[in-house]
Amino acid sequence: MEVIYGLIPGMILLGLVAVGVLFWAARSGQFDDMEGEASRILMDEDITSDPSEQNGRDENS
């Protein structure tokens, strides 16, 4: 039962740290552009027009 006297302040401290990190992330702009990063992974910018380059083979070999 004595262990609860250490656990309760520890959990309160851990909760305050988590709330502090959440507020820090919100103030530093971590949640500003949620849609931009989600759609950026869908855009393929390294498509080449030559099919031999896409397969990684050289035409001369």
PDB file of N, CA and C in Angstrom:
ATOM      1  N   MET A   1       0.819  -1.198   0.000  1.00  0.00           N
ATOM      2  CA  MET A   1       0.000   0.000   0.000  1.00  0.00           C
ATOM      3  C   MET A   1       0.860   1.258   0.000  1.00  0.00           C
ATOM      4  N   GLU A   2       2.073   1.142   0.541  1.00  0.00           N
ATOM      5  CA  GLU A   2       2.947   2.313   0.590  1.00  0.00           C
ATOM      6  C   GLU A   2       3.439   2.726  -0.792  1.00  0.00           C
ATOM      7  N   VAL A   3       3.416   1.786  -1.742  1.00  0.00           N
ATOM      8  CA  VAL A   3       3.904   2.085  -3.078  1.00  0.00           C
ATOM      9  C   VAL A   3       3.007   3.105  -3.783  1.00  0.00           C
ATOM     10  N   ILE A   4       1.743   3.179  -3.382  1.00  0.00           N
ATOM     11  CA  ILE A   4       0.825   4.117  -4.026  1.00  0.00           C
ATOM     12  C   ILE A   4       1.222   5.563  -3.740  1.00  0.00           C
ATOM     13  N   TYR A   5       1.927   5.797  -2.642  1.00  0.00           N
ATOM     14  CA  TYR A   5       2.373   7.159  -2.326  1.00  0.00           C
ATOM     15  C   TYR A   5       3.453   7.633  -3.296  1.00  0.00           C
ATOM     16  N   GLY A   6       4.110   6.729  -3.942  1.00  0.00           N
ATOM     17  CA  GLY A   6       5.073   7.086  -4.975  1.00  0.00           C
ATOM     18  C   GLY A   6       4.478   7.065  -6.374  1.00  0.00           C
ATOM     19  N   LEU A   7       3.512   6.179  -6.582  1.00  0.00           N
ATOM     20  CA  LEU A   7       2.915   6.053  -7.905  1.00  0.00           C
ATOM     21  C   LEU A   7       2.001   7.228  -8.270  1.00  0.00           C
ATOM     22  N   ILE A   8       1.236   7.702  -7.330  1.00  0.00           N
ATOM     23  CA  ILE A   8       0.302   8.804  -7.629  1.00  0.00           C
ATOM     24  C   ILE A   8       1.051  10.069  -8.041  1.00  0.00           C
ATOM     25  N   PRO A   9       2.043  10.535  -7.297  1.00  0.00           N
ATOM     26  CA  PRO A   9       2.784  11.713  -7.779  1.00  0.00           C
ATOM     27  C   PRO A   9       3.529  11.445  -9.087  1.00  0.00           C
ATOM     28  N   GLY A  10       4.006  10.233  -9.264  1.00  0.00           N
ATOM     29  CA  GLY A  10       4.686   9.896 -10.504  1.00  0.00           C
ATOM     30  C   GLY A  10       3.754   9.968 -11.703  1.00  0.00           C
ATOM     31  N   MET A  11       2.547   9.466 -11.553  1.00  0.00           N
ATOM     32  CA  MET A  11       1.571   9.507 -12.649  1.00  0.00           C
ATOM     33  C   MET A  11       1.090  10.934 -12.905  1.00  0.00           C
ATOM     34  N   ILE A  12       0.946  11.719 -11.876  1.00  0.00           N
ATOM     35  CA  ILE A  12       0.580  13.128 -12.067  1.00  0.00           C
ATOM     36  C   ILE A  12       1.686  13.854 -12.816  1.00  0.00           C
ATOM     37  N   LEU A  13       2.933  13.605 -12.446  1.00  0.00           N
ATOM     38  CA  LEU A  13       4.062  14.219 -13.129  1.00  0.00           C
ATOM     39  C   LEU A  13       4.132  13.759 -14.591  1.00  0.00           C
ATOM     40  N   LEU A  14       3.936  12.482 -14.831  1.00  0.00           N
ATOM     41  CA  LEU A  14       3.952  11.955 -16.194  1.00  0.00           C
ATOM     42  C   LEU A  14       2.817  12.556 -17.025  1.00  0.00           C
ATOM     43  N   GLY A  15       1.645  12.713 -16.439  1.00  0.00           N
ATOM     44  CA  GLY A  15       0.527  13.330 -17.143  1.00  0.00           C
ATOM     45  C   GLY A  15       0.798  14.786 -17.472  1.00  0.00           C
ATOM     46  N   LEU A  16       1.408  15.521 -16.554  1.00  0.00           N
ATOM     47  CA  LEU A  16       1.740  16.926 -16.815  1.00  0.00           C
ATOM     48  C   LEU A  16       2.793  17.051 -17.913  1.00  0.00           C
ATOM     49  N   VAL A  17       3.746  16.143 -17.935  1.00  0.00           N
ATOM     50  CA  VAL A  17       4.748  16.153 -19.001  1.00  0.00           C
ATOM     51  C   VAL A  17       4.084  15.873 -20.349  1.00  0.00           C
ATOM     52  N   ALA A  18       3.147  14.922 -20.395  1.00  0.00           N
ATOM     53  CA  ALA A  18       2.456  14.598 -21.643  1.00  0.00           C
ATOM     54  C   ALA A  18       1.635  15.785 -22.138  1.00  0.00           C
ATOM     55  N   VAL A  19       0.953  16.472 -21.225  1.00  0.00           N
ATOM     56  CA  VAL A  19       0.177  17.654 -21.609  1.00  0.00           C
ATOM     57  C   VAL A  19       1.112  18.756 -22.093  1.00  0.00           C
ATOM     58  N   GLY A  20       2.259  18.910 -21.448  1.00  0.00           N
ATOM     59  CA  GLY A  20       3.241  19.902 -21.866  1.00  0.00           C
ATOM     60  C   GLY A  20       3.783  19.617 -23.267  1.00  0.00           C
ATOM     61  N   VAL A  21       4.059  18.356 -23.562  1.00  0.00           N
ATOM     62  CA  VAL A  21       4.543  17.981 -24.889  1.00  0.00           C
ATOM     63  C   VAL A  21       3.461  18.227 -25.937  1.00  0.00           C
ATOM     64  N   LEU A  22       2.212  17.937 -25.605  1.00  0.00           N
ATOM     65  CA  LEU A  22       1.121  18.184 -26.538  1.00  0.00           C
ATOM     66  C   LEU A  22       0.993  19.674 -26.852  1.00  0.00           C
ATOM     67  N   PHE A  23       1.035  20.514 -25.835  1.00  0.00           N
ATOM     68  CA  PHE A  23       0.948  21.954 -26.071  1.00  0.00           C
ATOM     69  C   PHE A  23       2.164  22.469 -26.834  1.00  0.00           C
ATOM     70  N   TRP A  24       3.348  21.945 -26.536  1.00  0.00           N
ATOM     71  CA  TRP A  24       4.548  22.359 -27.266  1.00  0.00           C
ATOM     72  C   TRP A  24       4.423  22.009 -28.750  1.00  0.00           C
ATOM     73  N   ALA A  25       3.927  20.790 -29.040  1.00  0.00           N
ATOM     74  CA  ALA A  25       3.787  20.363 -30.430  1.00  0.00           C
ATOM     75  C   ALA A  25       2.758  21.222 -31.158  1.00  0.00           C
ATOM     76  N   ALA A  26       1.684  21.577 -30.486  1.00  0.00           N
ATOM     77  CA  ALA A  26       0.657  22.405 -31.126  1.00  0.00           C
ATOM     78  C   ALA A  26       1.173  23.817 -31.383  1.00  0.00           C
ATOM     79  N   ARG A  27       1.939  24.369 -30.463  1.00  0.00           N
ATOM     80  CA  ARG A  27       2.450  25.731 -30.626  1.00  0.00           C
ATOM     81  C   ARG A  27       3.580  25.800 -31.643  1.00  0.00           C
ATOM     82  N   SER A  28       4.317  24.711 -31.831  1.00  0.00           N
ATOM     83  CA  SER A  28       5.443  24.737 -32.774  1.00  0.00           C
ATOM     84  C   SER A  28       5.015  24.406 -34.199  1.00  0.00           C
ATOM     85  N   GLY A  29       3.738  24.141 -34.429  1.00  0.00           N
ATOM     86  CA  GLY A  29       3.252  23.941 -35.787  1.00  0.00           C
ATOM     87  C   GLY A  29       3.275  22.508 -36.269  1.00  0.00           C
ATOM     88  N   GLN A  30       3.320  21.549 -35.379  1.00  0.00           N
ATOM     89  CA  GLN A  30       3.361  20.151 -35.798  1.00  0.00           C
ATOM     90  C   GLN A  30       2.050  19.697 -36.432  1.00  0.00           C
ATOM     91  N   PHE A  31       0.943  20.334 -36.095  1.00  0.00           N
ATOM     92  CA  PHE A  31      -0.366  19.908 -36.576  1.00  0.00           C
ATOM     93  C   PHE A  31      -0.963  20.896 -37.564  1.00  0.00           C
ATOM     94  N   ASP A  32      -0.144  21.742 -38.192  1.00  0.00           N
ATOM     95  CA  ASP A  32      -0.668  22.766 -39.082  1.00  0.00           C
ATOM     96  C   ASP A  32      -1.172  22.203 -40.405  1.00  0.00           C
ATOM     97  N   ASP A  33      -0.394  21.360 -41.062  1.00  0.00           N
ATOM     98  CA  ASP A  33      -0.748  20.863 -42.390  1.00  0.00           C
ATOM     99  C   ASP A  33      -0.920  19.351 -42.338  1.00  0.00           C
ATOM    100  N   MET A  34      -2.075  18.921 -41.923  1.00  0.00           N
ATOM    101  CA  MET A  34      -2.318  17.484 -41.814  1.00  0.00           C
ATOM    102  C   MET A  34      -2.581  16.840 -43.176  1.00  0.00           C
ATOM    103  N   GLU A  35      -3.183  17.554 -44.118  1.00  0.00           N
ATOM    104  CA  GLU A  35      -3.521  16.985 -45.414  1.00  0.00           C
ATOM    105  C   GLU A  35      -2.339  16.990 -46.383  1.00  0.00           C
ATOM    106  N   GLY A  36      -1.423  17.925 -46.253  1.00  0.00           N
ATOM    107  CA  GLY A  36      -0.300  18.016 -47.181  1.00  0.00           C
ATOM    108  C   GLY A  36       0.609  16.812 -47.118  1.00  0.00           C
ATOM    109  N   GLU A  37       0.969  16.399 -45.933  1.00  0.00           N
ATOM    110  CA  GLU A  37       1.842  15.235 -45.790  1.00  0.00           C
ATOM    111  C   GLU A  37       1.123  13.949 -46.165  1.00  0.00           C
ATOM    112  N   ALA A  38      -0.175  13.888 -45.939  1.00  0.00           N
ATOM    113  CA  ALA A  38      -0.922  12.673 -46.274  1.00  0.00           C
ATOM    114  C   ALA A  38      -1.019  12.473 -47.779  1.00  0.00           C
ATOM    115  N   SER A  39      -1.136  13.547 -48.539  1.00  0.00           N
ATOM    116  CA  SER A  39      -1.248  13.390 -49.989  1.00  0.00           C
ATOM    117  C   SER A  39       0.110  13.411 -50.678  1.00  0.00           C
ATOM    118  N   ARG A  40       1.155  13.869 -50.012  1.00  0.00           N
ATOM    119  CA  ARG A  40       2.481  13.914 -50.628  1.00  0.00           C
ATOM    120  C   ARG A  40       3.017  12.521 -50.909  1.00  0.00           C
ATOM    121  N   ILE A  41       2.672  11.554 -50.085  1.00  0.00           N
ATOM    122  CA  ILE A  41       3.174  10.201 -50.300  1.00  0.00           C
ATOM    123  C   ILE A  41       2.536   9.560 -51.533  1.00  0.00           C
ATOM    124  N   LEU A  42       1.372  10.059 -51.950  1.00  0.00           N
ATOM    125  CA  LEU A  42       0.699   9.495 -53.111  1.00  0.00           C
ATOM    126  C   LEU A  42       1.250  10.022 -54.425  1.00  0.00           C
ATOM    127  N   MET A  43       1.963  11.128 -54.404  1.00  0.00           N
ATOM    128  CA  MET A  43       2.499  11.727 -55.621  1.00  0.00           C
ATOM    129  C   MET A  43       3.839  11.081 -55.965  1.00  0.00           C
ATOM    130  N   ASP A  44       3.942  10.562 -57.183  1.00  0.00           N
ATOM    131  CA  ASP A  44       5.164   9.891 -57.611  1.00  0.00           C
ATOM    132  C   ASP A  44       5.922  10.844 -58.524  1.00  0.00           C
ATOM    133  N   GLU A  45       7.050  11.354 -58.054  1.00  0.00           N
ATOM    134  CA  GLU A  45       7.801  12.351 -58.804  1.00  0.00           C
ATOM    135  C   GLU A  45       8.953  11.758 -59.604  1.00  0.00           C
ATOM    136  N   ASP A  46       9.298  10.494 -59.377  1.00  0.00           N
ATOM    137  CA  ASP A  46      10.473   9.937 -60.041  1.00  0.00           C
ATOM    138  C   ASP A  46      10.098   8.968 -61.171  1.00  0.00           C
ATOM    139  N   ILE A  47       9.002   9.207 -61.842  1.00  0.00           N
ATOM    140  CA  ILE A  47       8.621   8.376 -62.977  1.00  0.00           C
ATOM    141  C   ILE A  47       9.413   8.830 -64.202  1.00  0.00           C
ATOM    142  N   THR A  48      10.041   7.886 -64.873  1.00  0.00           N
ATOM    143  CA  THR A  48      10.785   8.203 -66.087  1.00  0.00           C
ATOM    144  C   THR A  48       9.996   7.723 -67.297  1.00  0.00           C
ATOM    145  N   SER A  49      10.275   8.297 -68.453  1.00  0.00           N
ATOM    146  CA  SER A  49       9.546   7.927 -69.659  1.00  0.00           C
ATOM    147  C   SER A  49      10.171   6.732 -70.361  1.00  0.00           C
ATOM    148  N   ASP A  50      11.426   6.405 -70.036  1.00  0.00           N
ATOM    149  CA  ASP A  50      12.121   5.299 -70.680  1.00  0.00           C
ATOM    150  C   ASP A  50      11.881   4.017 -69.879  1.00  0.00           C
ATOM    151  N   PRO A  51      11.253   2.994 -70.462  1.00  0.00           N
ATOM    152  CA  PRO A  51      10.958   1.772 -69.709  1.00  0.00           C
ATOM    153  C   PRO A  51      12.207   1.029 -69.267  1.00  0.00           C
ATOM    154  N   SER A  52      13.321   1.154 -70.007  1.00  0.00           N
ATOM    155  CA  SER A  52      14.533   0.454 -69.596  1.00  0.00           C
ATOM    156  C   SER A  52      15.118   1.051 -68.325  1.00  0.00           C
ATOM    157  N   GLU A  53      14.914   2.332 -68.107  1.00  0.00           N
ATOM    158  CA  GLU A  53      15.398   2.956 -66.878  1.00  0.00           C
ATOM    159  C   GLU A  53      14.538   2.561 -65.692  1.00  0.00           C
ATOM    160  N   GLN A  54      13.265   2.286 -65.913  1.00  0.00           N
ATOM    161  CA  GLN A  54      12.384   1.899 -64.820  1.00  0.00           C
ATOM    162  C   GLN A  54      12.731   0.511 -64.298  1.00  0.00           C
ATOM    163  N   ASN A  55      13.166  -0.373 -65.162  1.00  0.00           N
ATOM    164  CA  ASN A  55      13.512  -1.722 -64.732  1.00  0.00           C
ATOM    165  C   ASN A  55      14.922  -1.821 -64.183  1.00  0.00           C
ATOM    166  N   GLY A  56      15.701  -0.770 -64.302  1.00  0.00           N
ATOM    167  CA  GLY A  56      17.061  -0.784 -63.806  1.00  0.00           C
ATOM    168  C   GLY A  56      18.035  -1.448 -64.747  1.00  0.00           C
ATOM    169  N   ARG A  57      17.628  -1.717 -65.987  1.00  0.00           N
ATOM    170  CA  ARG A  57      18.503  -2.361 -66.964  1.00  0.00           C
ATOM    171  C   ARG A  57      18.975  -1.355 -67.996  1.00  0.00           C
ATOM    172  N   ASP A  58      20.154  -1.593 -68.482  1.00  0.00           N
ATOM    173  CA  ASP A  58      20.714  -0.753 -69.535  1.00  0.00           C
ATOM    174  C   ASP A  58      20.467  -1.418 -70.873  1.00  0.00           C
ATOM    175  N   GLU A  59      20.166  -0.639 -71.920  1.00  0.00           N
ATOM    176  CA  GLU A  59      19.875  -1.212 -73.232  1.00  0.00           C
ATOM    177  C   GLU A  59      21.107  -1.858 -73.858  1.00  0.00           C
ATOM    178  N   ASN A  60      22.297  -1.429 -73.512  1.00  0.00           N
ATOM    179  CA  ASN A  60      23.516  -1.940 -74.129  1.00  0.00           C
ATOM    180  C   ASN A  60      23.963  -3.278 -73.546  1.00  0.00           C
ATOM    181  N   SER A  61      23.437  -3.704 -72.418  1.00  0.00           N
ATOM    182  CA  SER A  61      23.913  -4.956 -71.825  1.00  0.00           C
ATOM    183  C   SER A  61      23.033  -6.126 -72.113  1.00  0.00           C
TER     184      SER A  61
END
